[in-house]
């Protein structure tokens, strides 16, 4: 992920924290629901190992995606908007330049 020197005001940090938490909570709640469904379908040990592999992969994806460093938040938010975990409205209050960058990145 690219690193940029972007400063965030205290107000923007609060907006970013709230949006970040919202997306993370939504994505993890969705994952939990999916895992519950898959767990109820376990019939044999291979199904169990498949579920384990799925969980390991998803944990790796989530840990990599939800990078809260200021230098990469623009890219993280663009990805979350693109994937549907956030909406641009969740980021209202950020500087117009930041919103413009996020919007542009969602189109890529």
N, C-alpha and C. Protein backbone atom coordinates (compact mmCIF):
# COMPACT_ATOMS: atom_id res chain seq x y z
N UNK A 1 0.84 -1.17 0.00
CA UNK A 1 0.00 0.00 0.00
C UNK A 1 0.89 1.24 0.00
N UNK A 2 0.50 2.24 -0.74
CA UNK A 2 1.28 3.46 -0.83
C UNK A 2 1.18 4.26 0.46
N UNK A 3 2.26 4.95 0.78
CA UNK A 3 2.27 5.81 1.95
C UNK A 3 2.33 7.25 1.47
N UNK A 4 1.54 8.10 2.08
CA UNK A 4 1.56 9.51 1.75
C UNK A 4 1.63 10.31 3.03
N UNK A 5 2.13 11.51 2.90
CA UNK A 5 2.20 12.41 4.05
C UNK A 5 0.92 13.24 4.08
N UNK A 6 -0.04 12.79 4.81
CA UNK A 6 -1.32 13.49 4.93
C UNK A 6 -1.55 13.76 6.40
N UNK A 7 -1.87 15.00 6.71
CA UNK A 7 -2.15 15.31 8.11
C UNK A 7 -3.66 15.26 8.33
N UNK A 8 -4.01 14.83 9.52
CA UNK A 8 -5.41 14.69 9.90
C UNK A 8 -5.66 15.54 11.14
N UNK A 9 -6.66 16.41 11.07
CA UNK A 9 -7.02 17.22 12.23
C UNK A 9 -7.66 16.32 13.28
N UNK A 10 -7.81 16.83 14.48
CA UNK A 10 -8.45 16.05 15.54
C UNK A 10 -9.88 15.67 15.15
N UNK A 11 -10.59 16.61 14.54
CA UNK A 11 -11.96 16.33 14.10
C UNK A 11 -11.97 15.24 13.04
N UNK A 12 -11.05 15.34 12.09
CA UNK A 12 -10.98 14.32 11.04
C UNK A 12 -10.60 12.96 11.62
N UNK A 13 -9.74 12.95 12.61
CA UNK A 13 -9.37 11.68 13.24
C UNK A 13 -10.58 11.02 13.90
N UNK A 14 -11.44 11.83 14.51
CA UNK A 14 -12.65 11.28 15.12
C UNK A 14 -13.59 10.72 14.06
N UNK A 15 -13.74 11.44 12.96
CA UNK A 15 -14.58 10.97 11.85
C UNK A 15 -13.99 9.67 11.28
N UNK A 16 -12.69 9.66 11.09
CA UNK A 16 -12.01 8.48 10.55
C UNK A 16 -12.15 7.29 11.49
N UNK A 17 -11.96 7.51 12.77
CA UNK A 17 -12.10 6.42 13.75
C UNK A 17 -13.50 5.83 13.73
N UNK A 18 -14.50 6.70 13.67
CA UNK A 18 -15.89 6.24 13.66
C UNK A 18 -16.18 5.45 12.38
N UNK A 19 -15.73 5.95 11.25
CA UNK A 19 -15.96 5.26 9.97
C UNK A 19 -15.21 3.93 9.94
N UNK A 20 -13.99 3.95 10.41
CA UNK A 20 -13.16 2.74 10.44
C UNK A 20 -13.84 1.66 11.28
N UNK A 21 -14.30 2.05 12.46
CA UNK A 21 -14.98 1.10 13.36
C UNK A 21 -16.27 0.59 12.74
N UNK A 22 -17.02 1.48 12.10
CA UNK A 22 -18.28 1.07 11.47
C UNK A 22 -18.03 0.00 10.41
N UNK A 23 -17.05 0.24 9.55
CA UNK A 23 -16.75 -0.71 8.48
C UNK A 23 -16.26 -2.04 9.06
N UNK A 24 -15.36 -1.96 10.02
CA UNK A 24 -14.81 -3.17 10.63
C UNK A 24 -15.91 -3.99 11.31
N UNK A 25 -16.76 -3.30 12.07
CA UNK A 25 -17.85 -3.99 12.76
C UNK A 25 -18.81 -4.64 11.76
N UNK A 26 -19.12 -3.94 10.69
CA UNK A 26 -20.03 -4.48 9.68
C UNK A 26 -19.41 -5.70 8.98
N UNK A 27 -18.15 -5.57 8.60
CA UNK A 27 -17.51 -6.68 7.89
C UNK A 27 -17.33 -7.89 8.80
N UNK A 28 -16.94 -7.67 10.04
CA UNK A 28 -16.75 -8.81 10.94
C UNK A 28 -18.08 -9.44 11.33
N UNK A 29 -19.13 -8.64 11.47
CA UNK A 29 -20.46 -9.21 11.76
C UNK A 29 -20.93 -10.07 10.59
N UNK A 30 -20.66 -9.62 9.39
CA UNK A 30 -21.01 -10.40 8.20
C UNK A 30 -20.22 -11.70 8.17
N UNK A 31 -18.95 -11.62 8.49
CA UNK A 31 -18.11 -12.81 8.53
C UNK A 31 -18.61 -13.81 9.58
N UNK A 32 -18.95 -13.31 10.74
CA UNK A 32 -19.45 -14.18 11.81
C UNK A 32 -20.72 -14.91 11.35
N UNK A 33 -21.60 -14.19 10.70
CA UNK A 33 -22.82 -14.79 10.19
C UNK A 33 -22.51 -15.88 9.16
N UNK A 34 -21.58 -15.59 8.26
CA UNK A 34 -21.19 -16.58 7.25
C UNK A 34 -20.57 -17.82 7.90
N UNK A 35 -19.74 -17.60 8.90
CA UNK A 35 -19.07 -18.72 9.56
C UNK A 35 -20.08 -19.57 10.32
N UNK A 36 -21.03 -18.94 10.98
CA UNK A 36 -22.08 -19.71 11.67
C UNK A 36 -22.82 -20.61 10.70
N UNK A 37 -23.13 -20.07 9.55
CA UNK A 37 -23.83 -20.84 8.53
C UNK A 37 -22.97 -22.02 8.05
N UNK A 38 -21.71 -21.74 7.76
CA UNK A 38 -20.82 -22.80 7.28
C UNK A 38 -20.56 -23.84 8.37
N UNK A 39 -20.46 -23.40 9.62
CA UNK A 39 -20.21 -24.34 10.72
C UNK A 39 -21.38 -25.30 10.88
N UNK A 40 -22.58 -24.82 10.63
CA UNK A 40 -23.75 -25.69 10.77
C UNK A 40 -23.80 -26.75 9.66
N UNK A 41 -23.00 -26.57 8.62
CA UNK A 41 -22.98 -27.51 7.50
C UNK A 41 -21.85 -28.53 7.61
N UNK A 42 -21.07 -28.48 8.69
CA UNK A 42 -19.95 -29.41 8.84
C UNK A 42 -20.49 -30.82 9.04
N UNK A 43 -20.00 -31.72 8.18
CA UNK A 43 -20.42 -33.11 8.25
C UNK A 43 -19.24 -34.02 8.55
N UNK A 44 -18.11 -33.68 7.96
CA UNK A 44 -16.93 -34.52 8.15
C UNK A 44 -15.72 -33.64 8.45
N UNK A 45 -14.65 -34.27 8.83
CA UNK A 45 -13.47 -33.54 9.28
C UNK A 45 -12.90 -32.63 8.18
N UNK A 46 -13.00 -33.03 6.93
CA UNK A 46 -12.52 -32.17 5.84
C UNK A 46 -13.27 -30.83 5.81
N UNK A 47 -14.54 -30.87 6.15
CA UNK A 47 -15.33 -29.64 6.22
C UNK A 47 -14.78 -28.72 7.32
N UNK A 48 -14.39 -29.33 8.41
CA UNK A 48 -13.83 -28.58 9.53
C UNK A 48 -12.52 -27.90 9.12
N UNK A 49 -11.65 -28.64 8.44
CA UNK A 49 -10.37 -28.06 8.02
C UNK A 49 -10.58 -26.98 6.97
N UNK A 50 -11.57 -27.16 6.12
CA UNK A 50 -11.88 -26.13 5.13
C UNK A 50 -12.31 -24.84 5.84
N UNK A 51 -13.13 -24.98 6.86
CA UNK A 51 -13.57 -23.82 7.63
C UNK A 51 -12.38 -23.15 8.32
N UNK A 52 -11.48 -23.95 8.85
CA UNK A 52 -10.28 -23.42 9.48
C UNK A 52 -9.46 -22.61 8.47
N UNK A 53 -9.28 -23.17 7.27
CA UNK A 53 -8.52 -22.48 6.23
C UNK A 53 -9.20 -21.17 5.84
N UNK A 54 -10.51 -21.20 5.73
CA UNK A 54 -11.26 -19.99 5.40
C UNK A 54 -11.06 -18.92 6.47
N UNK A 55 -11.17 -19.32 7.72
CA UNK A 55 -10.98 -18.37 8.82
C UNK A 55 -9.57 -17.79 8.83
N UNK A 56 -8.59 -18.62 8.59
CA UNK A 56 -7.20 -18.14 8.56
C UNK A 56 -7.00 -17.13 7.44
N UNK A 57 -7.54 -17.43 6.27
CA UNK A 57 -7.40 -16.52 5.13
C UNK A 57 -8.12 -15.20 5.39
N UNK A 58 -9.32 -15.28 5.92
CA UNK A 58 -10.09 -14.05 6.19
C UNK A 58 -9.42 -13.20 7.27
N UNK A 59 -8.84 -13.86 8.28
CA UNK A 59 -8.14 -13.09 9.31
C UNK A 59 -6.96 -12.34 8.70
N UNK A 60 -6.23 -13.02 7.85
CA UNK A 60 -5.09 -12.40 7.17
C UNK A 60 -5.57 -11.21 6.33
N UNK A 61 -6.66 -11.38 5.60
CA UNK A 61 -7.20 -10.31 4.77
C UNK A 61 -7.63 -9.11 5.62
N UNK A 62 -8.36 -9.39 6.69
CA UNK A 62 -8.85 -8.31 7.55
C UNK A 62 -7.71 -7.58 8.24
N UNK A 63 -6.74 -8.33 8.75
CA UNK A 63 -5.60 -7.69 9.41
C UNK A 63 -4.84 -6.78 8.46
N UNK A 64 -4.73 -7.19 7.20
CA UNK A 64 -4.04 -6.37 6.21
C UNK A 64 -4.86 -5.18 5.75
N UNK A 65 -6.15 -5.39 5.61
CA UNK A 65 -7.02 -4.33 5.10
C UNK A 65 -7.21 -3.19 6.10
N UNK A 66 -7.44 -3.52 7.34
CA UNK A 66 -7.78 -2.50 8.33
C UNK A 66 -6.52 -1.92 8.97
N UNK A 67 -5.78 -1.22 8.14
CA UNK A 67 -4.55 -0.53 8.54
C UNK A 67 -4.94 0.90 8.93
N UNK A 68 -4.75 1.23 10.17
CA UNK A 68 -5.24 2.51 10.70
C UNK A 68 -4.17 3.60 10.71
N UNK A 69 -3.06 3.39 10.03
CA UNK A 69 -2.04 4.43 9.99
C UNK A 69 -2.53 5.62 9.15
N UNK A 70 -2.27 6.81 9.65
CA UNK A 70 -2.70 8.03 8.96
C UNK A 70 -2.24 8.06 7.50
N UNK A 71 -1.06 7.54 7.25
CA UNK A 71 -0.47 7.63 5.91
C UNK A 71 -1.20 6.78 4.87
N UNK A 72 -2.01 5.83 5.30
CA UNK A 72 -2.69 4.95 4.33
C UNK A 72 -4.22 5.00 4.43
N UNK A 73 -4.75 5.82 5.33
CA UNK A 73 -6.20 5.83 5.54
C UNK A 73 -6.99 6.19 4.28
N UNK A 74 -6.47 7.09 3.47
CA UNK A 74 -7.16 7.44 2.22
C UNK A 74 -7.39 6.19 1.38
N UNK A 75 -6.37 5.36 1.28
CA UNK A 75 -6.46 4.14 0.47
C UNK A 75 -7.37 3.10 1.12
N UNK A 76 -7.29 3.00 2.43
CA UNK A 76 -8.15 2.07 3.16
C UNK A 76 -9.61 2.47 2.98
N UNK A 77 -9.91 3.75 3.16
CA UNK A 77 -11.29 4.20 3.01
C UNK A 77 -11.79 4.00 1.58
N UNK A 78 -10.95 4.24 0.61
CA UNK A 78 -11.36 4.03 -0.78
C UNK A 78 -11.71 2.56 -1.01
N UNK A 79 -10.90 1.67 -0.48
CA UNK A 79 -11.18 0.23 -0.63
C UNK A 79 -12.48 -0.14 0.08
N UNK A 80 -12.68 0.39 1.28
CA UNK A 80 -13.89 0.06 2.04
C UNK A 80 -15.15 0.58 1.35
N UNK A 81 -15.06 1.76 0.75
CA UNK A 81 -16.19 2.30 -0.01
C UNK A 81 -16.44 1.43 -1.24
N UNK A 82 -15.37 1.10 -1.92
CA UNK A 82 -15.48 0.29 -3.14
C UNK A 82 -16.11 -1.08 -2.84
N UNK A 83 -15.78 -1.65 -1.69
CA UNK A 83 -16.30 -2.96 -1.32
C UNK A 83 -17.69 -2.88 -0.68
N UNK A 84 -18.15 -1.67 -0.38
CA UNK A 84 -19.49 -1.51 0.18
C UNK A 84 -19.57 -1.53 1.70
N UNK A 85 -18.43 -1.54 2.37
CA UNK A 85 -18.44 -1.55 3.84
C UNK A 85 -18.62 -0.14 4.40
N UNK A 86 -18.35 0.86 3.58
CA UNK A 86 -18.54 2.27 3.94
C UNK A 86 -19.21 2.98 2.78
N UNK A 87 -19.78 4.13 3.08
CA UNK A 87 -20.31 5.03 2.06
C UNK A 87 -19.59 6.36 2.22
N UNK A 88 -19.52 7.11 1.16
CA UNK A 88 -18.86 8.41 1.24
C UNK A 88 -19.50 9.29 2.31
N UNK A 89 -20.80 9.13 2.52
CA UNK A 89 -21.48 9.90 3.57
C UNK A 89 -20.90 9.64 4.95
N UNK A 90 -20.35 8.45 5.16
CA UNK A 90 -19.73 8.12 6.45
C UNK A 90 -18.47 8.94 6.69
N UNK A 91 -17.96 9.56 5.65
CA UNK A 91 -16.71 10.31 5.74
C UNK A 91 -16.93 11.82 5.67
N UNK A 92 -18.19 12.24 5.72
CA UNK A 92 -18.48 13.67 5.69
C UNK A 92 -17.79 14.35 6.86
N UNK A 93 -17.19 15.50 6.55
CA UNK A 93 -16.46 16.24 7.56
C UNK A 93 -14.96 16.19 7.33
N UNK A 94 -14.53 15.25 6.48
CA UNK A 94 -13.11 15.24 6.09
C UNK A 94 -12.88 16.39 5.12
N UNK A 95 -11.65 16.82 5.00
CA UNK A 95 -11.33 17.89 4.06
C UNK A 95 -11.76 17.49 2.66
N UNK A 96 -12.25 18.45 1.87
CA UNK A 96 -12.68 18.15 0.51
C UNK A 96 -11.61 17.45 -0.33
N UNK A 97 -10.34 17.80 -0.11
CA UNK A 97 -9.26 17.17 -0.88
C UNK A 97 -9.18 15.67 -0.56
N UNK A 98 -9.36 15.32 0.69
CA UNK A 98 -9.32 13.91 1.08
C UNK A 98 -10.50 13.16 0.47
N UNK A 99 -11.68 13.77 0.54
CA UNK A 99 -12.87 13.13 -0.04
C UNK A 99 -12.72 12.96 -1.55
N UNK A 100 -12.12 13.95 -2.19
CA UNK A 100 -11.91 13.87 -3.64
C UNK A 100 -10.95 12.73 -3.98
N UNK A 101 -9.90 12.58 -3.18
CA UNK A 101 -8.95 11.48 -3.42
C UNK A 101 -9.62 10.12 -3.21
N UNK A 102 -10.38 10.02 -2.14
CA UNK A 102 -11.08 8.75 -1.86
C UNK A 102 -12.04 8.43 -3.00
N UNK A 103 -12.80 9.43 -3.42
CA UNK A 103 -13.76 9.24 -4.51
C UNK A 103 -13.04 8.80 -5.78
N UNK A 104 -11.95 9.45 -6.11
CA UNK A 104 -11.20 9.09 -7.32
C UNK A 104 -10.67 7.67 -7.23
N UNK A 105 -10.17 7.29 -6.07
CA UNK A 105 -9.61 5.94 -5.90
C UNK A 105 -10.69 4.85 -5.98
N UNK A 106 -11.91 5.19 -5.62
CA UNK A 106 -12.98 4.18 -5.70
C UNK A 106 -13.34 3.86 -7.14
N UNK A 107 -12.96 4.73 -8.05
CA UNK A 107 -13.28 4.53 -9.47
C UNK A 107 -12.21 3.72 -10.19
N UNK A 108 -11.14 3.43 -9.51
CA UNK A 108 -10.02 2.71 -10.15
C UNK A 108 -10.27 1.21 -10.13
